[in-house]
């Protein structure tokens, strides 16, 4: 999600809100609301942590046109209108796999 965020920012997205979620090791998760190409885009990097998926949907459903939620378990997003993208399998470089996923996500916005 950090790569998606950084790519959107580098392509002109404006930050409306940004919150670092504490106590999420090994990296810090975050929630953000961006304005990108005429759309309000929310990103929640911690959707696979119990309770955070529903919280993100509740928090952003009224104020975002697009909601991107990380869910490495795949167990949360089972109902339409979600578009579910599976994580690219690691066949070498994690950076390349993340870049592939980032491109897929941004192409849907």
PDB file of N, CA and C in Angstrom:
ATOM      1  N   UNK A   1       0.805  -1.184   0.000  1.00  0.00           N
ATOM      2  CA  UNK A   1       0.000   0.000   0.000  1.00  0.00           C
ATOM      3  C   UNK A   1       0.857   1.260   0.000  1.00  0.00           C
ATOM      4  N   UNK A   2       2.019   1.162   0.597  1.00  0.00           N
ATOM      5  CA  UNK A   2       2.916   2.319   0.594  1.00  0.00           C
ATOM      6  C   UNK A   2       3.317   2.698  -0.824  1.00  0.00           C
ATOM      7  N   UNK A   3       3.530   1.693  -1.672  1.00  0.00           N
ATOM      8  CA  UNK A   3       3.898   1.970  -3.054  1.00  0.00           C
ATOM      9  C   UNK A   3       2.741   2.608  -3.809  1.00  0.00           C
ATOM     10  N   UNK A   4       1.517   2.137  -3.559  1.00  0.00           N
ATOM     11  CA  UNK A   4       0.340   2.742  -4.185  1.00  0.00           C
ATOM     12  C   UNK A   4       0.231   4.200  -3.755  1.00  0.00           C
ATOM     13  N   UNK A   5       0.357   4.442  -2.458  1.00  0.00           N
ATOM     14  CA  UNK A   5       0.295   5.800  -1.924  1.00  0.00           C
ATOM     15  C   UNK A   5       1.358   6.684  -2.571  1.00  0.00           C
ATOM     16  N   UNK A   6       2.603   6.234  -2.576  1.00  0.00           N
ATOM     17  CA  UNK A   6       3.702   7.032  -3.120  1.00  0.00           C
ATOM     18  C   UNK A   6       3.505   7.312  -4.609  1.00  0.00           C
ATOM     19  N   UNK A   7       3.003   6.331  -5.341  1.00  0.00           N
ATOM     20  CA  UNK A   7       2.774   6.518  -6.772  1.00  0.00           C
ATOM     21  C   UNK A   7       1.675   7.534  -7.018  1.00  0.00           C
ATOM     22  N   UNK A   8       0.590   7.440  -6.259  1.00  0.00           N
ATOM     23  CA  UNK A   8      -0.489   8.409  -6.422  1.00  0.00           C
ATOM     24  C   UNK A   8      -0.012   9.827  -6.098  1.00  0.00           C
ATOM     25  N   UNK A   9       0.750   9.972  -5.018  1.00  0.00           N
ATOM     26  CA  UNK A   9       1.278  11.285  -4.637  1.00  0.00           C
ATOM     27  C   UNK A   9       2.195  11.824  -5.738  1.00  0.00           C
ATOM     28  N   UNK A  10       3.060  10.971  -6.262  1.00  0.00           N
ATOM     29  CA  UNK A  10       3.990  11.434  -7.299  1.00  0.00           C
ATOM     30  C   UNK A  10       3.273  11.774  -8.605  1.00  0.00           C
ATOM     31  N   UNK A  11       2.060  11.262  -8.767  1.00  0.00           N
ATOM     32  CA  UNK A  11       1.260  11.565  -9.957  1.00  0.00           C
ATOM     33  C   UNK A  11       0.221  12.647  -9.696  1.00  0.00           C
ATOM     34  N   UNK A  12       0.400  13.398  -8.611  1.00  0.00           N
ATOM     35  CA  UNK A  12      -0.430  14.580  -8.398  1.00  0.00           C
ATOM     36  C   UNK A  12      -1.558  14.463  -7.403  1.00  0.00           C
ATOM     37  N   UNK A  13      -1.669  13.353  -6.697  1.00  0.00           N
ATOM     38  CA  UNK A  13      -2.728  13.237  -5.687  1.00  0.00           C
ATOM     39  C   UNK A  13      -2.486  14.228  -4.559  1.00  0.00           C
ATOM     40  N   UNK A  14      -3.566  14.788  -4.039  1.00  0.00           N
ATOM     41  CA  UNK A  14      -3.485  15.716  -2.911  1.00  0.00           C
ATOM     42  C   UNK A  14      -3.971  15.005  -1.653  1.00  0.00           C
ATOM     43  N   UNK A  15      -3.234  15.152  -0.575  1.00  0.00           N
ATOM     44  CA  UNK A  15      -3.587  14.512   0.691  1.00  0.00           C
ATOM     45  C   UNK A  15      -4.711  15.300   1.355  1.00  0.00           C
ATOM     46  N   UNK A  16      -5.809  14.621   1.663  1.00  0.00           N
ATOM     47  CA  UNK A  16      -6.912  15.206   2.403  1.00  0.00           C
ATOM     48  C   UNK A  16      -6.817  14.849   3.887  1.00  0.00           C
ATOM     49  N   UNK A  17      -6.447  13.590   4.167  1.00  0.00           N
ATOM     50  CA  UNK A  17      -6.276  13.087   5.528  1.00  0.00           C
ATOM     51  C   UNK A  17      -5.150  12.055   5.501  1.00  0.00           C
ATOM     52  N   UNK A  18      -4.419  11.943   6.610  1.00  0.00           N
ATOM     53  CA  UNK A  18      -3.403  10.903   6.733  1.00  0.00           C
ATOM     54  C   UNK A  18      -3.237  10.575   8.205  1.00  0.00           C
ATOM     55  N   UNK A  19      -3.363   9.290   8.551  1.00  0.00           N
ATOM     56  CA  UNK A  19      -3.222   8.841   9.925  1.00  0.00           C
ATOM     57  C   UNK A  19      -2.299   7.631   9.960  1.00  0.00           C
ATOM     58  N   UNK A  20      -1.255   7.699  10.776  1.00  0.00           N
ATOM     59  CA  UNK A  20      -0.386   6.544  11.012  1.00  0.00           C
ATOM     60  C   UNK A  20      -1.040   5.710  12.102  1.00  0.00           C
ATOM     61  N   UNK A  21      -1.144   4.421  11.875  1.00  0.00           N
ATOM     62  CA  UNK A  21      -1.728   3.497  12.850  1.00  0.00           C
ATOM     63  C   UNK A  21      -0.581   2.951  13.691  1.00  0.00           C
ATOM     64  N   UNK A  22      -0.618   3.203  14.971  1.00  0.00           N
ATOM     65  CA  UNK A  22       0.455   2.798  15.868  1.00  0.00           C
ATOM     66  C   UNK A  22       0.372   1.301  16.186  1.00  0.00           C
ATOM     67  N   UNK A  23       1.496   0.784  16.662  1.00  0.00           N
ATOM     68  CA  UNK A  23       1.585  -0.605  17.130  1.00  0.00           C
ATOM     69  C   UNK A  23       1.312  -1.625  16.040  1.00  0.00           C
ATOM     70  N   UNK A  24       1.783  -1.372  14.850  1.00  0.00           N
ATOM     71  CA  UNK A  24       1.631  -2.342  13.771  1.00  0.00           C
ATOM     72  C   UNK A  24       3.023  -2.707  13.260  1.00  0.00           C
ATOM     73  N   UNK A  25       3.605  -3.680  13.894  1.00  0.00           N
ATOM     74  CA  UNK A  25       4.950  -4.124  13.525  1.00  0.00           C
ATOM     75  C   UNK A  25       4.846  -5.097  12.369  1.00  0.00           C
ATOM     76  N   UNK A  26       5.820  -5.220  11.493  1.00  0.00           N
ATOM     77  CA  UNK A  26       7.127  -4.577  11.540  1.00  0.00           C
ATOM     78  C   UNK A  26       7.142  -3.181  10.902  1.00  0.00           C
ATOM     79  N   UNK A  27       6.096  -2.807  10.201  1.00  0.00           N
ATOM     80  CA  UNK A  27       6.036  -1.463   9.619  1.00  0.00           C
ATOM     81  C   UNK A  27       4.809  -0.755  10.163  1.00  0.00           C
ATOM     82  N   UNK A  28       4.762   0.541   9.982  1.00  0.00           N
ATOM     83  CA  UNK A  28       3.602   1.274  10.445  1.00  0.00           C
ATOM     84  C   UNK A  28       2.539   1.300   9.354  1.00  0.00           C
ATOM     85  N   UNK A  29       1.354   0.834   9.708  1.00  0.00           N
ATOM     86  CA  UNK A  29       0.231   0.902   8.798  1.00  0.00           C
ATOM     87  C   UNK A  29      -0.336   2.311   8.811  1.00  0.00           C
ATOM     88  N   UNK A  30      -1.180   2.596   7.834  1.00  0.00           N
ATOM     89  CA  UNK A  30      -1.737   3.926   7.720  1.00  0.00           C
ATOM     90  C   UNK A  30      -3.110   3.893   7.064  1.00  0.00           C
ATOM     91  N   UNK A  31      -3.830   4.985   7.245  1.00  0.00           N
ATOM     92  CA  UNK A  31      -5.063   5.264   6.508  1.00  0.00           C
ATOM     93  C   UNK A  31      -4.886   6.641   5.901  1.00  0.00           C
ATOM     94  N   UNK A  32      -5.380   6.820   4.689  1.00  0.00           N
ATOM     95  CA  UNK A  32      -5.288   8.125   4.049  1.00  0.00           C
ATOM     96  C   UNK A  32      -6.472   8.336   3.123  1.00  0.00           C
ATOM     97  N   UNK A  33      -6.799   9.586   2.924  1.00  0.00           N
ATOM     98  CA  UNK A  33      -7.804   9.987   1.947  1.00  0.00           C
ATOM     99  C   UNK A  33      -7.121  10.975   1.019  1.00  0.00           C
ATOM    100  N   UNK A  34      -7.107  10.645  -0.262  1.00  0.00           N
ATOM    101  CA  UNK A  34      -6.447  11.458  -1.275  1.00  0.00           C
ATOM    102  C   UNK A  34      -7.463  11.951  -2.290  1.00  0.00           C
ATOM    103  N   UNK A  35      -7.137  13.047  -2.948  1.00  0.00           N
ATOM    104  CA  UNK A  35      -7.922  13.509  -4.094  1.00  0.00           C
ATOM    105  C   UNK A  35      -7.044  13.279  -5.316  1.00  0.00           C
ATOM    106  N   UNK A  36      -7.517  12.401  -6.225  1.00  0.00           N
ATOM    107  CA  UNK A  36      -6.711  11.980  -7.366  1.00  0.00           C
ATOM    108  C   UNK A  36      -7.579  11.910  -8.615  1.00  0.00           C
ATOM    109  N   UNK A  37      -7.246  12.719  -9.605  1.00  0.00           N
ATOM    110  CA  UNK A  37      -7.951  12.735 -10.893  1.00  0.00           C
ATOM    111  C   UNK A  37      -9.460  12.849 -10.718  1.00  0.00           C
ATOM    112  N   UNK A  38      -9.876  13.753  -9.847  1.00  0.00           N
ATOM    113  CA  UNK A  38     -11.295  14.013  -9.638  1.00  0.00           C
ATOM    114  C   UNK A  38     -12.013  13.038  -8.729  1.00  0.00           C
ATOM    115  N   UNK A  39     -11.276  12.104  -8.142  1.00  0.00           N
ATOM    116  CA  UNK A  39     -11.883  11.109  -7.246  1.00  0.00           C
ATOM    117  C   UNK A  39     -11.255  11.184  -5.867  1.00  0.00           C
ATOM    118  N   UNK A  40     -12.056  10.882  -4.874  1.00  0.00           N
ATOM    119  CA  UNK A  40     -11.562  10.754  -3.506  1.00  0.00           C
ATOM    120  C   UNK A  40     -11.191   9.285  -3.301  1.00  0.00           C
ATOM    121  N   UNK A  41      -9.923   9.049  -3.019  1.00  0.00           N
ATOM    122  CA  UNK A  41      -9.386   7.691  -2.910  1.00  0.00           C
ATOM    123  C   UNK A  41      -8.904   7.464  -1.476  1.00  0.00           C
ATOM    124  N   UNK A  42      -9.480   6.489  -0.802  1.00  0.00           N
ATOM    125  CA  UNK A  42      -9.058   6.132   0.554  1.00  0.00           C
ATOM    126  C   UNK A  42      -8.210   4.868   0.474  1.00  0.00           C
ATOM    127  N   UNK A  43      -7.152   4.837   1.279  1.00  0.00           N
ATOM    128  CA  UNK A  43      -6.289   3.659   1.373  1.00  0.00           C
ATOM    129  C   UNK A  43      -6.198   3.260   2.840  1.00  0.00           C
ATOM    130  N   UNK A  44      -6.434   1.988   3.106  1.00  0.00           N
ATOM    131  CA  UNK A  44      -6.298   1.428   4.455  1.00  0.00           C
ATOM    132  C   UNK A  44      -5.316   0.266   4.343  1.00  0.00           C
ATOM    133  N   UNK A  45      -4.131   0.431   4.936  1.00  0.00           N
ATOM    134  CA  UNK A  45      -3.094  -0.594   4.785  1.00  0.00           C
ATOM    135  C   UNK A  45      -3.198  -1.714   5.802  1.00  0.00           C
ATOM    136  N   UNK A  46      -4.190  -1.657   6.681  1.00  0.00           N
ATOM    137  CA  UNK A  46      -4.264  -2.639   7.773  1.00  0.00           C
ATOM    138  C   UNK A  46      -5.617  -3.343   7.825  1.00  0.00           C
ATOM    139  N   UNK A  47      -6.195  -3.611   6.676  1.00  0.00           N
ATOM    140  CA  UNK A  47      -7.510  -4.239   6.636  1.00  0.00           C
ATOM    141  C   UNK A  47      -7.552  -5.682   7.072  1.00  0.00           C
ATOM    142  N   UNK A  48      -6.397  -6.319   7.152  1.00  0.00           N
ATOM    143  CA  UNK A  48      -6.367  -7.726   7.563  1.00  0.00           C
ATOM    144  C   UNK A  48      -6.246  -7.892   9.074  1.00  0.00           C
ATOM    145  N   UNK A  49      -6.166  -6.789   9.801  1.00  0.00           N
ATOM    146  CA  UNK A  49      -6.148  -6.852  11.259  1.00  0.00           C
ATOM    147  C   UNK A  49      -7.589  -6.866  11.751  1.00  0.00           C
ATOM    148  N   UNK A  50      -7.909  -7.747  12.660  1.00  0.00           N
ATOM    149  CA  UNK A  50      -9.286  -7.946  13.120  1.00  0.00           C
ATOM    150  C   UNK A  50      -9.976  -6.618  13.437  1.00  0.00           C
ATOM    151  N   UNK A  51     -11.131  -6.422  12.843  1.00  0.00           N
ATOM    152  CA  UNK A  51     -11.948  -5.251  13.114  1.00  0.00           C
ATOM    153  C   UNK A  51     -11.640  -4.044  12.247  1.00  0.00           C
ATOM    154  N   UNK A  52     -10.444  -3.966  11.686  1.00  0.00           N
ATOM    155  CA  UNK A  52     -10.072  -2.782  10.921  1.00  0.00           C
ATOM    156  C   UNK A  52     -10.733  -2.708   9.559  1.00  0.00           C
ATOM    157  N   UNK A  53     -11.023  -3.859   8.972  1.00  0.00           N
ATOM    158  CA  UNK A  53     -11.690  -3.874   7.669  1.00  0.00           C
ATOM    159  C   UNK A  53     -13.052  -3.188   7.767  1.00  0.00           C
ATOM    160  N   UNK A  54     -13.878  -3.632   8.713  1.00  0.00           N
ATOM    161  CA  UNK A  54     -15.210  -3.040   8.875  1.00  0.00           C
ATOM    162  C   UNK A  54     -15.134  -1.571   9.265  1.00  0.00           C
ATOM    163  N   UNK A  55     -14.148  -1.231  10.093  1.00  0.00           N
ATOM    164  CA  UNK A  55     -13.951   0.164  10.487  1.00  0.00           C
ATOM    165  C   UNK A  55     -13.634   1.022   9.272  1.00  0.00           C
ATOM    166  N   UNK A  56     -12.769   0.542   8.402  1.00  0.00           N
ATOM    167  CA  UNK A  56     -12.397   1.304   7.206  1.00  0.00           C
ATOM    168  C   UNK A  56     -13.592   1.485   6.278  1.00  0.00           C
ATOM    169  N   UNK A  57     -14.345   0.412   6.061  1.00  0.00           N
ATOM    170  CA  UNK A  57     -15.531   0.516   5.206  1.00  0.00           C
ATOM    171  C   UNK A  57     -16.502   1.524   5.794  1.00  0.00           C
ATOM    172  N   UNK A  58     -16.727   1.454   7.095  1.00  0.00           N
ATOM    173  CA  UNK A  58     -17.640   2.380   7.763  1.00  0.00           C
ATOM    174  C   UNK A  58     -17.131   3.822   7.694  1.00  0.00           C
ATOM    175  N   UNK A  59     -15.844   4.014   7.936  1.00  0.00           N
ATOM    176  CA  UNK A  59     -15.270   5.359   7.968  1.00  0.00           C
ATOM    177  C   UNK A  59     -15.247   6.034   6.610  1.00  0.00           C
ATOM    178  N   UNK A  60     -14.977   5.273   5.561  1.00  0.00           N
ATOM    179  CA  UNK A  60     -14.733   5.880   4.261  1.00  0.00           C
ATOM    180  C   UNK A  60     -15.851   5.707   3.239  1.00  0.00           C
ATOM    181  N   UNK A  61     -16.855   4.905   3.516  1.00  0.00           N
ATOM    182  CA  UNK A  61     -17.876   4.651   2.499  1.00  0.00           C
ATOM    183  C   UNK A  61     -18.619   5.913   2.078  1.00  0.00           C
ATOM    184  N   UNK A  62     -18.811   6.853   2.987  1.00  0.00           N
ATOM    185  CA  UNK A  62     -19.535   8.076   2.648  1.00  0.00           C
ATOM    186  C   UNK A  62     -18.638   9.163   2.060  1.00  0.00           C
ATOM    187  N   UNK A  63     -17.326   9.075   2.301  1.00  0.00           N
ATOM    188  CA  UNK A  63     -16.484  10.177   1.849  1.00  0.00           C
ATOM    189  C   UNK A  63     -15.452   9.797   0.790  1.00  0.00           C
ATOM    190  N   UNK A  64     -15.453   8.554   0.336  1.00  0.00           N
ATOM    191  CA  UNK A  64     -14.501   8.136  -0.694  1.00  0.00           C
ATOM    192  C   UNK A  64     -15.240   7.537  -1.889  1.00  0.00           C
ATOM    193  N   UNK A  65     -14.727   7.837  -3.067  1.00  0.00           N
ATOM    194  CA  UNK A  65     -15.251   7.215  -4.283  1.00  0.00           C
ATOM    195  C   UNK A  65     -14.634   5.840  -4.490  1.00  0.00           C
ATOM    196  N   UNK A  66     -13.400   5.693  -4.031  1.00  0.00           N
ATOM    197  CA  UNK A  66     -12.652   4.445  -4.163  1.00  0.00           C
ATOM    198  C   UNK A  66     -12.034   4.135  -2.806  1.00  0.00           C
ATOM    199  N   UNK A  67     -12.168   2.897  -2.353  1.00  0.00           N
ATOM    200  CA  UNK A  67     -11.559   2.462  -1.105  1.00  0.00           C
ATOM    201  C   UNK A  67     -10.653   1.276  -1.399  1.00  0.00           C
ATOM    202  N   UNK A  68      -9.374   1.431  -1.082  1.00  0.00           N
ATOM    203  CA  UNK A  68      -8.386   0.376  -1.299  1.00  0.00           C
ATOM    204  C   UNK A  68      -7.984  -0.154   0.075  1.00  0.00           C
ATOM    205  N   UNK A  69      -8.213  -1.445   0.289  1.00  0.00           N
ATOM    206  CA  UNK A  69      -7.937  -2.049   1.590  1.00  0.00           C
ATOM    207  C   UNK A  69      -6.991  -3.232   1.399  1.00  0.00           C
ATOM    208  N   UNK A  70      -5.917  -3.241   2.170  1.00  0.00           N
ATOM    209  CA  UNK A  70      -5.022  -4.396   2.175  1.00  0.00           C
ATOM    210  C   UNK A  70      -5.651  -5.475   3.041  1.00  0.00           C
ATOM    211  N   UNK A  71      -5.710  -6.675   2.517  1.00  0.00           N
ATOM    212  CA  UNK A  71      -6.231  -7.804   3.284  1.00  0.00           C
ATOM    213  C   UNK A  71      -5.479  -9.046   2.846  1.00  0.00           C
ATOM    214  N   UNK A  72      -4.381  -9.318   3.514  1.00  0.00           N
ATOM    215  CA  UNK A  72      -3.561 -10.461   3.114  1.00  0.00           C
ATOM    216  C   UNK A  72      -4.235 -11.793   3.395  1.00  0.00           C
ATOM    217  N   UNK A  73      -5.268 -11.798   4.225  1.00  0.00           N
ATOM    218  CA  UNK A  73      -5.969 -13.044   4.515  1.00  0.00           C
ATOM    219  C   UNK A  73      -6.989 -13.374   3.435  1.00  0.00           C
ATOM    220  N   UNK A  74      -7.499 -12.353   2.740  1.00  0.00           N
ATOM    221  CA  UNK A  74      -8.492 -12.578   1.699  1.00  0.00           C
ATOM    222  C   UNK A  74      -9.854 -12.949   2.233  1.00  0.00           C
ATOM    223  N   UNK A  75     -10.022 -12.944   3.527  1.00  0.00           N
ATOM    224  CA  UNK A  75     -11.263 -13.431   4.120  1.00  0.00           C
ATOM    225  C   UNK A  75     -12.352 -12.376   4.225  1.00  0.00           C
ATOM    226  N   UNK A  76     -11.998 -11.117   4.114  1.00  0.00           N
ATOM    227  CA  UNK A  76     -12.955 -10.058   4.372  1.00  0.00           C
ATOM    228  C   UNK A  76     -13.780  -9.675   3.146  1.00  0.00           C
ATOM    229  N   UNK A  77     -13.147  -9.573   1.991  1.00  0.00           N
ATOM    230  CA  UNK A  77     -13.790  -9.001   0.816  1.00  0.00           C
ATOM    231  C   UNK A  77     -14.502 -10.056  -0.012  1.00  0.00           C
ATOM    232  N   UNK A  78     -15.688 -10.389   0.392  1.00  0.00           N
ATOM    233  CA  UNK A  78     -16.419 -11.442  -0.309  1.00  0.00           C
ATOM    234  C   UNK A  78     -17.694 -10.944  -0.968  1.00  0.00           C
ATOM    235  N   UNK A  79     -18.081  -9.723  -0.726  1.00  0.00           N
ATOM    236  CA  UNK A  79     -19.333  -9.198  -1.246  1.00  0.00           C
ATOM    237  C   UNK A  79     -19.067  -8.138  -2.312  1.00  0.00           C
ATOM    238  N   UNK A  80     -19.887  -8.097  -3.389  1.00  0.00           N
ATOM    239  CA  UNK A  80     -19.774  -6.986  -4.333  1.00  0.00           C
ATOM    240  C   UNK A  80     -20.067  -5.694  -3.590  1.00  0.00           C
ATOM    241  N   UNK A  81     -19.592  -4.560  -3.987  1.00  0.00           N
ATOM    242  CA  UNK A  81     -18.966  -4.222  -5.271  1.00  0.00           C
ATOM    243  C   UNK A  81     -17.449  -4.293  -5.252  1.00  0.00           C
ATOM    244  N   UNK A  82     -16.869  -5.138  -4.446  1.00  0.00           N
ATOM    245  CA  UNK A  82     -15.429  -5.196  -4.338  1.00  0.00           C
ATOM    246  C   UNK A  82     -14.787  -5.836  -5.558  1.00  0.00           C
ATOM    247  N   UNK A  83     -13.635  -5.306  -5.916  1.00  0.00           N
ATOM    248  CA  UNK A  83     -12.766  -5.938  -6.899  1.00  0.00           C
ATOM    249  C   UNK A  83     -11.634  -6.543  -6.085  1.00  0.00           C
ATOM    250  N   UNK A  84     -11.471  -7.836  -6.184  1.00  0.00           N
ATOM    251  CA  UNK A  84     -10.458  -8.522  -5.390  1.00  0.00           C
ATOM    252  C   UNK A  84      -9.268  -8.839  -6.282  1.00  0.00           C
ATOM    253  N   UNK A  85      -8.116  -8.353  -5.874  1.00  0.00           N
ATOM    254  CA  UNK A  85      -6.878  -8.645  -6.586  1.00  0.00           C
ATOM    255  C   UNK A  85      -6.015  -9.513  -5.689  1.00  0.00           C
ATOM    256  N   UNK A  86      -5.603 -10.635  -6.202  1.00  0.00           N
ATOM    257  CA  UNK A  86      -4.702 -11.499  -5.440  1.00  0.00           C
ATOM    258  C   UNK A  86      -3.295 -10.942  -5.513  1.00  0.00           C
ATOM    259  N   UNK A  87      -2.568 -11.111  -4.421  1.00  0.00           N
ATOM    260  CA  UNK A  87      -1.176 -10.656  -4.373  1.00  0.00           C
ATOM    261  C   UNK A  87      -0.365 -11.436  -5.388  1.00  0.00           C
ATOM    262  N   UNK A  88       0.485 -10.738  -6.111  1.00  0.00           N
ATOM    263  CA  UNK A  88       1.368 -11.386  -7.073  1.00  0.00           C
ATOM    264  C   UNK A  88       2.328 -12.315  -6.323  1.00  0.00           C
ATOM    265  N   UNK A  89       2.395 -13.588  -6.731  1.00  0.00           N
ATOM    266  CA  UNK A  89       3.313 -14.516  -6.057  1.00  0.00           C
ATOM    267  C   UNK A  89       4.762 -14.054  -6.209  1.00  0.00           C
ATOM    268  N   UNK A  90       5.544 -14.289  -5.174  1.00  0.00           N
ATOM    269  CA  UNK A  90       6.960 -13.924  -5.220  1.00  0.00           C
ATOM    270  C   UNK A  90       7.722 -14.967  -6.021  1.00  0.00           C
ATOM    271  N   UNK A  91       8.154 -14.574  -7.190  1.00  0.00           N
ATOM    272  CA  UNK A  91       9.007 -15.430  -8.013  1.00  0.00           C
ATOM    273  C   UNK A  91      10.327 -14.714  -8.227  1.00  0.00           C
ATOM    274  N   UNK A  92      10.893 -14.234  -7.161  1.00  0.00           N
ATOM    275  CA  UNK A  92      12.129 -13.471  -7.260  1.00  0.00           C
ATOM    276  C   UNK A  92      12.044 -12.225  -6.410  1.00  0.00           C
ATOM    277  N   UNK A  93      11.872 -11.083  -7.047  1.00  0.00           N
ATOM    278  CA  UNK A  93      11.932  -9.795  -6.381  1.00  0.00           C
ATOM    279  C   UNK A  93      10.599  -9.391  -5.751  1.00  0.00           C
ATOM    280  N   UNK A  94      10.630  -9.112  -4.433  1.00  0.00           N
ATOM    281  CA  UNK A  94       9.436  -8.609  -3.762  1.00  0.00           C
ATOM    282  C   UNK A  94       9.090  -7.218  -4.282  1.00  0.00           C
ATOM    283  N   UNK A  95      10.089  -6.426  -4.580  1.00  0.00           N
ATOM    284  CA  UNK A  95       9.858  -5.083  -5.114  1.00  0.00           C
ATOM    285  C   UNK A  95       9.108  -5.173  -6.444  1.00  0.00           C
ATOM    286  N   UNK A  96       9.512  -6.087  -7.315  1.00  0.00           N
ATOM    287  CA  UNK A  96       8.853  -6.236  -8.611  1.00  0.00           C
ATOM    288  C   UNK A  96       7.418  -6.732  -8.436  1.00  0.00           C
ATOM    289  N   UNK A  97       7.201  -7.676  -7.526  1.00  0.00           N
ATOM    290  CA  UNK A  97       5.849  -8.171  -7.264  1.00  0.00           C
ATOM    291  C   UNK A  97       4.968  -7.047  -6.743  1.00  0.00           C
ATOM    292  N   UNK A  98       5.508  -6.232  -5.826  1.00  0.00           N
ATOM    293  CA  UNK A  98       4.741  -5.098  -5.305  1.00  0.00           C
ATOM    294  C   UNK A  98       4.449  -4.070  -6.394  1.00  0.00           C
ATOM    295  N   UNK A  99       5.409  -3.843  -7.284  1.00  0.00           N
ATOM    296  CA  UNK A  99       5.205  -2.899  -8.384  1.00  0.00           C
ATOM    297  C   UNK A  99       4.103  -3.387  -9.323  1.00  0.00           C
ATOM    298  N   UNK A 100       4.068  -4.683  -9.576  1.00  0.00           N
ATOM    299  CA  UNK A 100       3.011  -5.263 -10.416  1.00  0.00           C
ATOM    300  C   UNK A 100       1.644  -5.051  -9.770  1.00  0.00           C
ATOM    301  N   UNK A 101       1.559  -5.316  -8.469  1.00  0.00           N
ATOM    302  CA  UNK A 101       0.293  -5.120  -7.746  1.00  0.00           C
ATOM    303  C   UNK A 101      -0.104  -3.646  -7.730  1.00  0.00           C
ATOM    304  N   UNK A 102       0.864  -2.784  -7.526  1.00  0.00           N
ATOM    305  CA  UNK A 102       0.605  -1.345  -7.507  1.00  0.00           C
ATOM    306  C   UNK A 102      -0.007  -0.895  -8.835  1.00  0.00           C
ATOM    307  N   UNK A 103       0.589  -1.338  -9.923  1.00  0.00           N
ATOM    308  CA  UNK A 103       0.080  -0.976 -11.254  1.00  0.00           C
ATOM    309  C   UNK A 103      -1.361  -1.470 -11.442  1.00  0.00           C
ATOM    310  N   UNK A 104      -1.633  -2.706 -11.010  1.00  0.00           N
ATOM    311  CA  UNK A 104      -2.999  -3.255 -11.132  1.00  0.00           C
ATOM    312  C   UNK A 104      -3.998  -2.397 -10.362  1.00  0.00           C
ATOM    313  N   UNK A 105      -3.629  -2.030  -9.135  1.00  0.00           N
ATOM    314  CA  UNK A 105      -4.535  -1.251  -8.286  1.00  0.00           C
ATOM    315  C   UNK A 105      -4.800   0.109  -8.898  1.00  0.00           C
ATOM    316  N   UNK A 106      -3.750   0.813  -9.296  1.00  0.00           N
ATOM    317  CA  UNK A 106      -3.912   2.169  -9.832  1.00  0.00           C
ATOM    318  C   UNK A 106      -4.673   2.143 -11.144  1.00  0.00           C
ATOM    319  N   UNK A 107      -4.539   1.098 -11.917  1.00  0.00           N
ATOM    320  CA  UNK A 107      -5.274   1.025 -13.188  1.00  0.00           C
ATOM    321  C   UNK A 107      -6.783   0.912 -12.986  1.00  0.00           C
ATOM    322  N   UNK A 108      -7.212   0.521 -11.790  1.00  0.00           N
ATOM    323  CA  UNK A 108      -8.644   0.407 -11.502  1.00  0.00           C
ATOM    324  C   UNK A 108      -9.273   1.709 -11.009  1.00  0.00           C
ATOM    325  N   UNK A 109      -8.445   2.690 -10.686  1.00  0.00           N
ATOM    326  CA  UNK A 109      -8.975   3.946 -10.161  1.00  0.00           C
ATOM    327  C   UNK A 109      -9.522   4.790 -11.301  1.00  0.00           C
TER     328      UNK A 109
END
